[in-house]
N, C-alpha and C. Protein backbone atom coordinates (compact mmCIF):
# COMPACT_ATOMS: atom_id res chain seq x y z
N MET A 1 0.80 -1.22 -0.04
CA MET A 1 0.00 -0.06 0.06
C MET A 1 1.00 1.14 0.15
N LEU A 2 0.57 2.06 -0.81
CA LEU A 2 1.34 3.41 -0.84
C LEU A 2 1.05 4.30 0.41
N LYS A 3 2.33 5.03 0.86
CA LYS A 3 2.10 5.95 1.86
C LYS A 3 1.16 7.29 1.26
N LEU A 4 0.48 7.89 2.26
CA LEU A 4 -0.24 9.26 1.84
C LEU A 4 0.94 10.34 1.26
N GLY A 5 0.69 10.55 -0.05
CA GLY A 5 1.16 11.64 -0.81
C GLY A 5 2.15 10.82 -1.51
N GLU A 6 2.47 9.60 -1.60
CA GLU A 6 3.61 8.96 -2.22
C GLU A 6 3.19 8.94 -3.51
N LYS A 7 3.99 9.21 -4.58
CA LYS A 7 3.31 9.51 -5.88
C LYS A 7 2.50 9.91 -6.09
N GLY A 8 2.24 11.36 -5.37
CA GLY A 8 1.01 12.11 -5.38
C GLY A 8 -0.45 11.47 -5.03
N THR A 9 -0.31 10.25 -4.44
CA THR A 9 -1.60 9.56 -4.36
C THR A 9 -2.35 9.99 -3.03
N ILE A 10 -3.75 9.82 -3.00
CA ILE A 10 -4.53 9.77 -1.67
C ILE A 10 -5.38 8.43 -1.66
N LEU A 11 -5.39 7.64 -0.61
CA LEU A 11 -6.18 6.36 -0.52
C LEU A 11 -7.62 6.77 -0.27
N GLN A 12 -8.49 5.88 -1.22
CA GLN A 12 -9.65 6.43 -1.27
C GLN A 12 -10.40 5.34 -0.07
N ARG A 13 -11.76 6.07 -0.10
CA ARG A 13 -12.63 5.36 1.08
C ARG A 13 -12.72 3.67 0.88
N ASP A 14 -12.42 3.30 -0.24
CA ASP A 14 -12.68 1.73 -0.35
C ASP A 14 -11.37 1.21 0.23
N LYS A 15 -10.21 1.61 0.42
CA LYS A 15 -9.23 1.38 0.95
C LYS A 15 -8.35 0.37 -0.08
N GLU A 16 -8.47 0.58 -1.41
CA GLU A 16 -7.97 -0.15 -2.35
C GLU A 16 -7.42 0.57 -3.41
N THR A 17 -8.07 1.80 -3.67
CA THR A 17 -7.79 2.73 -4.82
C THR A 17 -7.22 3.91 -4.39
N TYR A 18 -6.86 4.75 -5.44
CA TYR A 18 -6.13 5.84 -5.22
C TYR A 18 -6.64 7.16 -6.21
N ALA A 19 -6.53 8.38 -5.35
CA ALA A 19 -6.75 9.64 -6.40
C ALA A 19 -5.38 10.43 -6.35
N ILE A 20 -5.50 10.78 -7.78
CA ILE A 20 -4.23 11.65 -8.03
C ILE A 20 -4.69 13.01 -8.30
N ALA A 21 -3.91 14.01 -8.56
CA ALA A 21 -4.40 15.33 -8.92
C ALA A 21 -3.01 16.17 -9.83
N PRO A 22 -3.28 16.00 -11.00
CA PRO A 22 -2.02 16.63 -11.59
C PRO A 22 -2.09 18.16 -11.52
N HIS A 23 -0.72 18.81 -11.37
CA HIS A 23 -0.60 20.23 -11.14
C HIS A 23 -1.37 20.89 -12.30
N ILE A 24 -2.33 21.90 -12.07
CA ILE A 24 -2.84 22.84 -13.16
C ILE A 24 -2.65 24.20 -12.48
N PRO A 25 -1.63 24.77 -12.88
CA PRO A 25 -1.06 26.02 -12.20
C PRO A 25 -2.22 27.26 -12.46
N CYS A 26 -2.70 27.63 -11.26
CA CYS A 26 -3.79 28.74 -11.08
C CYS A 26 -5.23 28.29 -11.86
N GLY A 27 -5.17 27.28 -12.06
CA GLY A 27 -6.67 26.66 -12.74
C GLY A 27 -6.74 26.74 -14.26
N VAL A 28 -5.54 27.32 -14.70
CA VAL A 28 -5.64 27.52 -16.08
C VAL A 28 -5.02 26.30 -16.86
N THR A 29 -5.90 25.92 -17.90
CA THR A 29 -5.39 24.64 -18.76
C THR A 29 -5.60 24.76 -20.14
N THR A 30 -5.54 23.69 -20.84
CA THR A 30 -5.66 23.59 -22.28
C THR A 30 -6.59 22.41 -22.57
N PRO A 31 -7.15 22.64 -23.98
CA PRO A 31 -7.94 21.47 -24.31
C PRO A 31 -7.08 20.27 -24.34
N GLU A 32 -5.86 20.44 -25.04
CA GLU A 32 -4.98 19.18 -25.10
C GLU A 32 -4.87 18.42 -23.94
N ALA A 33 -4.75 19.33 -22.75
CA ALA A 33 -4.56 18.70 -21.40
C ALA A 33 -5.99 18.17 -20.79
N LEU A 34 -7.05 18.68 -21.10
CA LEU A 34 -8.07 18.21 -20.69
C LEU A 34 -8.68 16.74 -21.42
N ARG A 35 -8.24 16.92 -22.50
CA ARG A 35 -8.30 15.40 -23.42
C ARG A 35 -7.57 14.30 -22.90
N LYS A 36 -6.16 14.76 -22.54
CA LYS A 36 -5.36 13.66 -21.99
C LYS A 36 -5.88 13.15 -20.79
N ILE A 37 -6.37 13.94 -19.84
CA ILE A 37 -6.71 13.48 -18.37
C ILE A 37 -8.04 12.79 -18.98
N ALA A 38 -8.86 13.13 -19.69
CA ALA A 38 -10.05 12.41 -20.10
C ALA A 38 -9.75 10.73 -20.66
N ASP A 39 -8.85 11.03 -21.41
CA ASP A 39 -8.25 9.80 -22.04
C ASP A 39 -7.70 8.74 -21.06
N VAL A 40 -6.83 9.37 -20.32
CA VAL A 40 -6.38 8.47 -19.21
C VAL A 40 -7.21 7.76 -18.33
N ALA A 41 -8.34 8.55 -17.69
CA ALA A 41 -9.42 8.23 -17.10
C ALA A 41 -10.11 7.10 -17.37
N GLU A 42 -10.49 7.21 -19.04
CA GLU A 42 -11.02 6.17 -19.74
C GLU A 42 -10.24 5.06 -19.63
N LYS A 43 -8.98 5.06 -20.23
CA LYS A 43 -7.98 3.89 -20.41
C LYS A 43 -8.02 3.11 -19.12
N TYR A 44 -7.84 3.73 -17.80
CA TYR A 44 -7.61 2.82 -16.71
C TYR A 44 -8.99 2.89 -15.72
N GLU A 45 -10.00 3.18 -16.59
CA GLU A 45 -11.44 2.59 -15.80
C GLU A 45 -11.53 3.61 -14.73
N CYS A 46 -11.13 4.54 -14.48
CA CYS A 46 -11.38 5.44 -13.07
C CYS A 46 -12.76 5.79 -13.02
N LYS A 47 -12.82 5.90 -11.61
CA LYS A 47 -14.39 6.04 -11.21
C LYS A 47 -14.95 7.38 -11.30
N ALA A 48 -14.30 8.28 -11.26
CA ALA A 48 -14.63 9.57 -11.26
C ALA A 48 -13.66 10.74 -11.82
N LEU A 49 -13.91 11.93 -12.22
CA LEU A 49 -13.15 12.96 -12.32
C LEU A 49 -13.77 14.35 -11.32
N LYS A 50 -12.93 14.70 -10.32
CA LYS A 50 -13.62 15.61 -9.54
C LYS A 50 -12.79 16.82 -9.56
N ILE A 51 -13.42 18.27 -10.04
CA ILE A 51 -12.96 19.39 -9.82
C ILE A 51 -12.66 20.07 -8.56
N THR A 52 -11.61 19.99 -8.08
CA THR A 52 -11.26 20.52 -6.60
C THR A 52 -11.33 21.84 -6.21
N SER A 53 -11.51 22.14 -4.93
CA SER A 53 -11.47 23.47 -4.70
C SER A 53 -10.25 24.17 -4.83
N ALA A 54 -9.28 23.49 -5.17
CA ALA A 54 -7.83 24.09 -5.61
C ALA A 54 -7.67 24.31 -7.09
N ALA A 55 -8.87 24.09 -7.84
CA ALA A 55 -9.04 24.34 -9.23
C ALA A 55 -8.05 23.26 -10.02
N ARG A 56 -8.06 22.04 -9.32
CA ARG A 56 -7.37 20.94 -9.89
C ARG A 56 -8.54 19.82 -10.45
N ILE A 57 -7.99 18.87 -11.26
CA ILE A 57 -8.89 17.86 -11.36
C ILE A 57 -8.41 16.61 -10.70
N ALA A 58 -9.05 16.04 -10.02
CA ALA A 58 -8.65 14.83 -9.33
C ALA A 58 -9.02 13.60 -10.20
N ILE A 59 -8.02 12.60 -10.47
CA ILE A 59 -8.66 11.31 -11.15
C ILE A 59 -8.73 10.28 -9.91
N VAL A 60 -9.87 9.81 -9.77
CA VAL A 60 -10.15 9.10 -8.51
C VAL A 60 -10.47 7.75 -9.12
N GLY A 61 -9.94 6.66 -8.11
CA GLY A 61 -10.36 5.40 -8.46
C GLY A 61 -9.22 4.57 -9.24
N ILE A 62 -8.10 4.88 -9.11
CA ILE A 62 -6.93 4.27 -9.92
C ILE A 62 -6.30 3.13 -8.86
N LYS A 63 -6.25 2.00 -9.57
CA LYS A 63 -5.52 0.85 -8.79
C LYS A 63 -3.99 1.16 -8.75
N GLU A 64 -3.51 0.49 -7.53
CA GLU A 64 -2.26 0.88 -7.21
C GLU A 64 -1.43 0.35 -8.26
N GLU A 65 -1.53 -0.67 -8.85
CA GLU A 65 -0.76 -1.20 -10.03
C GLU A 65 -0.41 -0.12 -11.36
N ASP A 66 -1.57 0.62 -11.23
CA ASP A 66 -1.56 1.46 -12.39
C ASP A 66 -1.16 2.82 -12.21
N VAL A 67 -0.79 3.13 -11.13
CA VAL A 67 -0.41 4.54 -10.58
C VAL A 67 0.64 4.97 -11.44
N ASP A 68 1.95 4.29 -11.62
CA ASP A 68 3.01 4.70 -12.44
C ASP A 68 2.68 4.86 -13.92
N ARG A 69 1.78 4.15 -14.37
CA ARG A 69 1.40 3.97 -15.73
C ARG A 69 0.64 5.48 -16.17
N VAL A 70 -0.32 5.52 -15.16
CA VAL A 70 -1.15 6.90 -15.22
C VAL A 70 -0.36 8.14 -15.28
N TRP A 71 0.66 8.07 -14.29
CA TRP A 71 1.43 9.33 -14.54
C TRP A 71 2.31 9.44 -15.83
N GLU A 72 2.81 8.35 -16.23
CA GLU A 72 3.40 8.13 -17.50
C GLU A 72 2.65 8.57 -18.67
N ASP A 73 1.40 8.34 -18.67
CA ASP A 73 0.63 8.68 -19.89
C ASP A 73 0.24 10.21 -19.78
N LEU A 74 0.05 10.56 -18.41
CA LEU A 74 -0.37 11.94 -18.45
C LEU A 74 0.66 12.89 -18.79
N GLY A 75 1.84 12.55 -18.25
CA GLY A 75 3.16 13.49 -18.75
C GLY A 75 2.99 14.84 -17.91
N MET A 76 2.32 14.78 -16.74
CA MET A 76 2.11 16.01 -15.94
C MET A 76 2.70 15.83 -14.60
N SER A 77 3.04 17.09 -13.92
CA SER A 77 3.78 17.11 -12.65
C SER A 77 2.46 16.90 -11.68
N LEU A 78 2.64 16.53 -10.53
CA LEU A 78 1.85 16.27 -9.61
C LEU A 78 1.47 17.49 -8.68
N GLY A 79 0.23 17.69 -8.32
CA GLY A 79 -0.25 18.84 -7.46
C GLY A 79 0.04 18.43 -6.13
N HIS A 80 0.52 19.20 -5.34
CA HIS A 80 0.95 19.06 -4.06
C HIS A 80 -0.24 18.90 -3.09
N ALA A 81 -1.42 17.99 -3.11
CA ALA A 81 -2.52 18.07 -2.36
C ALA A 81 -2.44 17.61 -0.90
N VAL A 82 -1.22 16.95 -0.47
CA VAL A 82 -1.05 16.72 0.77
C VAL A 82 0.40 17.19 1.32
N GLY A 83 0.49 17.00 2.39
CA GLY A 83 1.76 17.33 3.20
C GLY A 83 1.79 18.78 3.92
N LEU A 84 3.14 18.87 4.44
CA LEU A 84 3.55 20.33 5.09
C LEU A 84 4.13 21.03 3.89
N CYS A 85 3.30 21.72 2.95
CA CYS A 85 4.03 22.41 2.16
C CYS A 85 2.82 23.49 1.37
N VAL A 86 3.37 24.24 0.41
CA VAL A 86 2.11 25.33 -0.11
C VAL A 86 1.51 24.14 -0.92
N ARG A 87 0.31 23.91 -0.83
CA ARG A 87 -0.52 23.02 -1.44
C ARG A 87 -1.00 23.81 -2.76
N SER A 88 -1.61 24.92 -2.89
CA SER A 88 -1.86 25.44 -4.11
C SER A 88 -2.11 26.76 -3.93
N VAL A 89 -2.35 27.52 -5.08
CA VAL A 89 -2.40 29.06 -5.29
C VAL A 89 -3.65 29.11 -6.22
N LYS A 90 -4.74 29.57 -5.38
CA LYS A 90 -5.94 29.67 -6.14
C LYS A 90 -6.07 31.28 -6.58
N VAL A 91 -6.53 31.35 -7.88
CA VAL A 91 -6.49 32.53 -8.49
C VAL A 91 -7.80 32.92 -9.20
N CYS A 92 -8.31 34.21 -9.35
CA CYS A 92 -9.67 34.63 -9.95
C CYS A 92 -9.21 34.80 -11.49
N PRO A 93 -10.18 35.10 -12.26
CA PRO A 93 -9.88 35.33 -13.87
C PRO A 93 -9.04 36.89 -13.98
N GLY A 94 -9.36 37.77 -13.11
CA GLY A 94 -8.64 38.88 -13.04
C GLY A 94 -8.83 39.76 -14.32
N THR A 95 -8.03 40.82 -14.30
CA THR A 95 -8.13 41.62 -15.44
C THR A 95 -8.04 41.14 -16.75
N ALA A 96 -7.32 40.10 -16.85
CA ALA A 96 -7.34 39.19 -18.16
C ALA A 96 -8.83 38.98 -18.69
N PHE A 97 -9.72 38.49 -17.78
CA PHE A 97 -11.15 38.00 -18.32
C PHE A 97 -12.21 38.84 -17.56
N CYS A 98 -12.10 39.19 -16.32
CA CYS A 98 -13.25 39.60 -15.55
C CYS A 98 -13.34 41.18 -15.71
N ARG A 99 -14.54 41.85 -15.97
CA ARG A 99 -14.80 43.20 -15.98
C ARG A 99 -14.70 43.88 -14.68
N LEU A 100 -14.64 43.26 -13.45
CA LEU A 100 -14.49 43.80 -12.36
C LEU A 100 -12.94 43.78 -11.93
N GLY A 101 -12.19 43.06 -12.52
CA GLY A 101 -10.64 43.10 -11.96
C GLY A 101 -10.07 44.33 -11.82
N LEU A 102 -9.58 44.70 -10.80
CA LEU A 102 -8.59 45.88 -10.60
C LEU A 102 -7.01 45.55 -10.74
N GLN A 103 -6.59 44.25 -10.75
CA GLN A 103 -5.07 44.04 -10.79
C GLN A 103 -5.10 42.72 -11.42
N ASP A 104 -3.97 42.58 -12.07
CA ASP A 104 -3.76 41.16 -12.96
C ASP A 104 -3.39 40.04 -12.12
N SER A 105 -4.49 39.27 -11.62
CA SER A 105 -4.48 38.16 -10.68
C SER A 105 -3.70 37.15 -11.26
N LEU A 106 -4.23 36.81 -12.72
CA LEU A 106 -3.42 35.63 -13.18
C LEU A 106 -1.86 35.63 -13.33
N THR A 107 -1.31 36.94 -13.78
CA THR A 107 0.11 36.98 -13.85
C THR A 107 0.63 36.82 -12.19
N MET A 108 0.10 37.47 -11.48
CA MET A 108 0.77 37.47 -10.13
C MET A 108 0.35 35.87 -9.47
N GLY A 109 -0.59 35.22 -9.93
CA GLY A 109 -0.84 34.07 -9.28
C GLY A 109 0.20 33.08 -9.84
N MET A 110 0.35 33.10 -11.11
CA MET A 110 1.29 32.18 -11.73
C MET A 110 2.84 32.22 -11.16
N LYS A 111 3.19 33.64 -10.99
CA LYS A 111 4.33 33.81 -10.33
C LYS A 111 4.52 33.37 -8.84
N LEU A 112 3.46 33.31 -8.12
CA LEU A 112 3.47 32.76 -6.67
C LEU A 112 3.49 31.21 -6.98
N ASP A 113 2.77 30.55 -7.77
CA ASP A 113 2.91 29.37 -8.16
C ASP A 113 4.21 28.95 -8.61
N GLU A 114 4.77 29.60 -9.25
CA GLU A 114 6.18 29.23 -9.73
C GLU A 114 7.22 29.35 -8.47
N LEU A 115 7.02 30.04 -7.71
CA LEU A 115 8.02 30.35 -6.59
C LEU A 115 7.84 29.45 -5.22
N TYR A 116 6.29 29.17 -5.01
CA TYR A 116 6.04 28.70 -3.67
C TYR A 116 5.29 27.21 -3.77
N HIS A 117 4.70 26.71 -5.16
CA HIS A 117 3.93 25.36 -4.84
C HIS A 117 4.90 24.40 -4.70
N GLY A 118 4.60 23.77 -3.56
CA GLY A 118 5.20 22.44 -3.26
C GLY A 118 6.37 22.85 -2.31
N ALA A 119 6.50 24.08 -1.83
CA ALA A 119 7.66 24.30 -1.03
C ALA A 119 7.34 24.17 0.27
N GLU A 120 8.23 23.08 0.83
CA GLU A 120 8.12 22.48 2.24
C GLU A 120 8.14 23.89 3.11
N LEU A 121 7.06 23.78 4.24
CA LEU A 121 6.93 24.73 5.17
C LEU A 121 6.55 23.90 6.51
N PRO A 122 6.62 24.64 7.87
CA PRO A 122 6.08 24.17 8.91
C PRO A 122 5.03 23.17 8.98
N GLY A 123 3.81 23.95 8.25
CA GLY A 123 2.48 23.52 8.10
C GLY A 123 1.87 23.59 6.81
N LYS A 124 1.03 22.82 6.58
CA LYS A 124 0.19 23.23 5.19
C LYS A 124 -0.15 24.68 4.91
N THR A 125 -0.18 25.15 3.76
CA THR A 125 -0.06 26.40 3.58
C THR A 125 -0.99 26.45 2.06
N LYS A 126 -1.83 27.53 1.99
CA LYS A 126 -2.86 27.86 1.15
C LYS A 126 -2.61 29.32 0.54
N MET A 127 -2.39 29.90 -0.65
CA MET A 127 -2.50 31.02 -1.08
C MET A 127 -3.63 31.38 -2.15
N GLY A 128 -4.00 32.48 -2.35
CA GLY A 128 -4.94 33.09 -3.08
C GLY A 128 -4.71 34.30 -3.60
N VAL A 129 -5.15 34.84 -4.65
CA VAL A 129 -4.93 36.05 -5.45
C VAL A 129 -6.22 36.32 -6.07
N SER A 130 -6.88 37.54 -5.47
CA SER A 130 -8.14 38.03 -5.96
C SER A 130 -7.85 39.49 -6.73
N ALA A 131 -8.57 39.50 -7.85
CA ALA A 131 -8.22 40.82 -8.49
C ALA A 131 -8.97 41.81 -8.25
N CYS A 132 -9.99 41.98 -7.05
CA CYS A 132 -10.78 42.72 -6.63
C CYS A 132 -11.19 42.55 -4.99
N THR A 133 -12.04 43.39 -4.52
CA THR A 133 -12.43 43.08 -3.23
C THR A 133 -13.62 42.18 -3.03
N ASN A 134 -14.06 41.49 -3.92
CA ASN A 134 -14.99 40.43 -3.92
C ASN A 134 -14.15 39.14 -3.30
N GLN A 135 -12.99 39.22 -3.62
CA GLN A 135 -12.00 37.90 -3.03
C GLN A 135 -12.50 36.74 -3.61
N CYS A 136 -12.78 36.30 -4.74
CA CYS A 136 -13.13 35.44 -5.28
C CYS A 136 -12.29 34.01 -5.16
N ALA A 137 -11.14 34.40 -4.61
CA ALA A 137 -10.06 33.34 -4.47
C ALA A 137 -10.04 32.84 -2.92
N GLU A 138 -11.05 33.52 -2.10
CA GLU A 138 -11.41 33.06 -0.74
C GLU A 138 -10.05 33.66 0.14
N ASN A 139 -9.79 34.81 -0.07
CA ASN A 139 -8.36 35.41 0.65
C ASN A 139 -8.67 35.29 2.12
N CYS A 140 -9.90 35.24 2.70
CA CYS A 140 -10.28 35.29 4.03
C CYS A 140 -9.68 34.06 4.72
N ILE A 141 -9.76 33.03 4.08
CA ILE A 141 -9.52 31.91 4.64
C ILE A 141 -8.02 31.22 3.89
N LYS A 142 -7.20 32.03 3.30
CA LYS A 142 -6.03 31.43 2.71
C LYS A 142 -4.69 32.13 3.82
N ASP A 143 -3.85 31.20 4.01
CA ASP A 143 -2.57 31.33 4.79
C ASP A 143 -2.16 32.65 4.47
N VAL A 144 -1.88 32.76 2.90
CA VAL A 144 -1.15 34.08 2.45
C VAL A 144 -1.95 34.42 1.18
N SER A 145 -2.39 35.73 0.93
CA SER A 145 -3.08 36.01 0.02
C SER A 145 -2.63 37.52 -0.52
N LEU A 146 -3.40 37.76 -1.63
CA LEU A 146 -3.17 39.08 -2.33
C LEU A 146 -4.66 39.53 -2.75
N MET A 147 -4.92 41.09 -2.52
CA MET A 147 -6.11 41.30 -3.09
C MET A 147 -5.95 42.47 -3.79
N GLY A 148 -6.56 42.69 -5.15
CA GLY A 148 -6.31 43.80 -5.76
C GLY A 148 -7.13 45.16 -5.63
N LYS A 149 -6.82 46.23 -5.54
CA LYS A 149 -7.38 47.42 -5.42
C LYS A 149 -6.94 48.49 -6.52
N LYS A 150 -7.48 49.32 -6.51
CA LYS A 150 -7.14 50.33 -7.63
C LYS A 150 -5.80 50.86 -7.26
N LYS A 151 -5.42 51.16 -6.03
CA LYS A 151 -4.04 51.53 -5.71
C LYS A 151 -2.81 50.40 -5.77
N GLY A 152 -3.34 49.38 -5.75
CA GLY A 152 -2.29 48.22 -5.84
C GLY A 152 -2.98 47.08 -5.11
N TRP A 153 -1.74 46.10 -4.65
CA TRP A 153 -2.25 45.00 -3.87
C TRP A 153 -2.50 45.20 -2.40
N THR A 154 -3.10 44.44 -1.81
CA THR A 154 -3.36 44.19 -0.26
C THR A 154 -2.79 42.72 0.11
N VAL A 155 -1.98 42.66 1.05
CA VAL A 155 -1.32 41.45 1.45
C VAL A 155 -2.17 40.96 2.71
N MET A 156 -2.66 39.73 2.55
CA MET A 156 -3.28 39.41 3.69
C MET A 156 -2.68 38.17 4.15
N VAL A 157 -2.84 37.80 5.52
CA VAL A 157 -2.15 36.64 6.23
C VAL A 157 -2.82 35.99 7.27
N GLY A 158 -2.67 34.64 7.60
CA GLY A 158 -3.15 34.04 8.72
C GLY A 158 -4.54 33.38 8.47
N GLY A 159 -5.06 33.40 7.22
CA GLY A 159 -6.47 32.77 7.17
C GLY A 159 -6.45 31.16 7.11
N ALA A 160 -7.55 30.74 7.38
CA ALA A 160 -7.71 29.32 7.75
C ALA A 160 -9.13 28.74 7.59
N GLY A 161 -9.46 27.71 6.87
CA GLY A 161 -10.86 27.27 6.76
C GLY A 161 -10.94 26.04 7.29
N ALA A 162 -10.08 25.53 8.33
CA ALA A 162 -9.91 24.14 8.88
C ALA A 162 -10.65 23.90 10.00
N ARG A 163 -10.36 22.97 11.03
CA ARG A 163 -11.26 22.45 12.03
C ARG A 163 -11.37 23.75 12.95
N LYS A 164 -10.24 24.61 12.99
CA LYS A 164 -10.22 25.89 13.81
C LYS A 164 -10.17 27.12 13.03
N PRO A 165 -11.08 27.70 12.10
CA PRO A 165 -11.26 28.49 11.34
C PRO A 165 -10.70 29.83 11.78
N ARG A 166 -10.08 30.63 10.88
CA ARG A 166 -9.67 32.13 11.23
C ARG A 166 -9.59 32.99 10.04
N LEU A 167 -9.83 33.99 10.25
CA LEU A 167 -9.96 35.17 9.31
C LEU A 167 -8.59 35.62 8.94
N ALA A 168 -8.47 35.95 7.61
CA ALA A 168 -6.87 36.46 7.30
C ALA A 168 -7.07 38.06 7.82
N GLN A 169 -6.00 38.39 8.13
CA GLN A 169 -5.61 39.75 8.42
C GLN A 169 -4.69 40.65 7.54
N VAL A 170 -5.02 42.08 7.54
CA VAL A 170 -4.06 42.77 6.38
C VAL A 170 -2.82 42.84 6.94
N LEU A 171 -1.73 42.68 6.23
CA LEU A 171 -0.22 42.98 6.41
C LEU A 171 0.16 44.14 6.00
N ALA A 172 -0.44 44.45 4.71
CA ALA A 172 0.05 45.60 4.02
C ALA A 172 -0.85 46.27 2.91
N GLU A 173 -0.97 47.12 2.42
CA GLU A 173 -1.75 47.85 1.57
C GLU A 173 -1.13 48.63 0.53
N ASP A 174 -1.56 48.78 -0.76
CA ASP A 174 -1.19 49.75 -1.81
C ASP A 174 0.26 49.37 -2.35
N LEU A 175 0.40 48.06 -2.68
CA LEU A 175 1.70 47.68 -2.98
C LEU A 175 1.56 47.52 -4.49
N ASP A 176 2.97 47.85 -5.20
CA ASP A 176 3.03 47.42 -6.71
C ASP A 176 3.35 45.84 -6.61
N SER A 177 3.46 45.14 -7.73
CA SER A 177 3.61 43.87 -7.58
C SER A 177 4.95 43.22 -7.11
N ASP A 178 5.94 43.93 -7.41
CA ASP A 178 7.27 43.73 -6.74
C ASP A 178 7.06 43.81 -5.32
N GLN A 179 6.71 44.84 -4.76
CA GLN A 179 6.57 44.99 -3.40
C GLN A 179 5.72 43.97 -2.60
N ALA A 180 4.64 43.65 -3.38
CA ALA A 180 3.93 42.75 -2.86
C ALA A 180 4.58 41.38 -2.91
N LEU A 181 5.47 40.94 -3.66
CA LEU A 181 6.11 39.71 -3.68
C LEU A 181 7.13 39.79 -2.75
N ALA A 182 7.77 40.95 -2.46
CA ALA A 182 8.73 41.06 -1.40
C ALA A 182 8.15 40.91 -0.02
N LYS A 183 6.87 41.38 0.58
CA LYS A 183 6.22 41.31 1.47
C LYS A 183 5.87 39.84 1.92
N ILE A 184 5.52 39.04 0.70
CA ILE A 184 5.09 37.65 0.87
C ILE A 184 6.31 36.81 1.16
N ASN A 185 7.28 37.30 0.44
CA ASN A 185 8.54 36.38 0.87
C ASN A 185 8.91 36.80 2.35
N GLN A 186 8.86 37.85 2.83
CA GLN A 186 9.00 38.39 4.18
C GLN A 186 8.06 37.48 5.16
N ALA A 187 7.07 37.46 4.78
CA ALA A 187 5.92 36.75 5.74
C ALA A 187 6.28 35.00 5.63
N VAL A 188 6.62 34.62 4.53
CA VAL A 188 6.86 32.94 4.48
C VAL A 188 8.20 32.66 5.00
N GLU A 189 9.20 33.64 4.90
CA GLU A 189 10.55 33.26 5.42
C GLU A 189 10.27 33.39 7.03
N TYR A 190 9.63 34.46 7.46
CA TYR A 190 9.68 34.34 8.85
C TYR A 190 8.58 33.05 9.43
N TYR A 191 7.53 32.84 8.63
CA TYR A 191 6.75 31.62 9.15
C TYR A 191 7.69 30.36 9.23
N LYS A 192 8.65 30.28 8.15
CA LYS A 192 9.32 28.93 7.87
C LYS A 192 10.04 28.92 9.03
N GLU A 193 10.88 30.26 9.46
CA GLU A 193 11.81 30.01 10.63
C GLU A 193 11.42 29.87 11.95
N ASN A 194 10.24 30.35 12.17
CA ASN A 194 9.67 30.43 13.68
C ASN A 194 8.40 29.66 14.01
N ALA A 195 7.66 29.18 12.93
CA ALA A 195 6.53 28.36 13.23
C ALA A 195 6.94 26.99 13.90
N LYS A 196 6.03 26.11 14.66
CA LYS A 196 6.24 24.88 15.13
C LYS A 196 5.62 23.89 13.85
N LYS A 197 6.22 22.78 14.02
CA LYS A 197 5.64 21.66 13.00
C LYS A 197 4.09 21.58 13.16
N ASN A 198 3.53 21.83 11.94
CA ASN A 198 2.06 21.63 11.85
C ASN A 198 1.43 22.65 12.51
N GLU A 199 1.98 23.78 12.41
CA GLU A 199 1.36 24.95 12.96
C GLU A 199 1.12 25.97 11.83
N ARG A 200 -0.18 26.08 11.64
CA ARG A 200 -0.52 27.12 10.37
C ARG A 200 -0.14 28.51 10.76
N MET A 201 0.05 29.32 9.53
CA MET A 201 0.49 30.57 10.03
C MET A 201 -0.30 31.40 10.84
N GLY A 202 -1.86 31.24 10.69
CA GLY A 202 -2.55 31.82 11.61
C GLY A 202 -2.49 31.68 13.18
N ALA A 203 -2.19 30.16 13.45
CA ALA A 203 -2.01 29.95 14.61
C ALA A 203 -0.63 30.35 15.15
N MET A 204 0.47 30.56 14.26
CA MET A 204 1.76 31.13 14.75
C MET A 204 1.50 32.73 15.14
N ILE A 205 0.73 33.10 14.25
CA ILE A 205 0.47 34.73 14.43
C ILE A 205 -0.36 34.90 15.97
N ASP A 206 -1.48 33.87 16.30
CA ASP A 206 -2.00 34.15 17.57
C ASP A 206 -1.16 33.75 18.40
N ARG A 207 -0.16 32.93 18.60
CA ARG A 207 0.78 32.76 19.55
C ARG A 207 1.68 33.76 19.85
N ILE A 208 2.26 34.40 18.61
CA ILE A 208 3.32 35.32 18.91
C ILE A 208 2.66 36.96 18.99
N GLY A 209 1.52 37.10 18.39
CA GLY A 209 0.91 38.52 18.42
C GLY A 209 0.97 38.94 16.99
N PHE A 210 -0.08 39.65 16.53
CA PHE A 210 -0.02 40.11 15.33
C PHE A 210 0.90 41.15 15.15
N ASP A 211 1.09 42.26 15.97
CA ASP A 211 1.92 43.28 15.96
C ASP A 211 3.37 42.73 15.61
N ALA A 212 3.67 41.73 16.44
CA ALA A 212 5.22 41.09 16.37
C ALA A 212 5.32 40.76 14.97
N PHE A 213 4.36 39.81 14.41
CA PHE A 213 4.51 39.27 13.15
C PHE A 213 4.76 40.63 12.14
N CYS A 214 3.79 41.54 12.27
CA CYS A 214 4.01 42.72 11.28
C CYS A 214 5.49 43.42 11.41
N SER A 215 5.82 43.45 12.67
CA SER A 215 7.06 44.42 12.85
C SER A 215 8.19 43.32 12.11
N ALA A 216 8.28 42.14 12.39
CA ALA A 216 9.09 41.14 11.97
C ALA A 216 9.20 41.30 10.12
N CYS A 217 7.98 41.53 9.58
CA CYS A 217 7.82 41.53 7.98
C CYS A 217 8.27 43.19 7.61
N GLN A 218 8.74 43.85 8.57
CA GLN A 218 9.12 45.49 7.96
C GLN A 218 10.55 45.50 7.75
N SER A 219 11.30 44.46 8.04
CA SER A 219 12.90 44.44 7.82
C SER A 219 13.39 44.29 6.27
């Protein structure tokens, strides 16, 4: 039996089959990639295709002996759906497609995905980028997120929608893209160096105090 997360697998309820979720950066894909996922699911008689909350497509019901062949046929990298790492970067359509967008969320989201997806951290971490204050990327429950306004980006930290939910707090406002990325780097690096194992960013902030965290992210 494969361990949780080994080869990107998650054991299913039947205790016999597995699900995998190929990485689809920021939920943006192509017709070719969708056809490949559909073809592989049919070839290996998978039980379901499930669009996840992280904007990935989970292939559900894979036999253990087929896992390697499924990945080989897909030719895609795995999405980090489990483990102590940055699991996902959820992004709204932004100025590329949405009439309400105030900032280019897709470009910024792709940059965050490139920098952080799968990065090992003390606890599971989820990121989001919303192009306006509607927060379609669910900033309020993301560990680290960006919200677009007319004057620039707002950086939010400490959100969680887990067993102990916590609303995110504003770390900085009115930043350009480079400043926003630098501020996120400060927050992530401080978290990496100071959080306890399995401690979400919001739990660390509650432990040390938000003012102390803000001060640490000013250097």
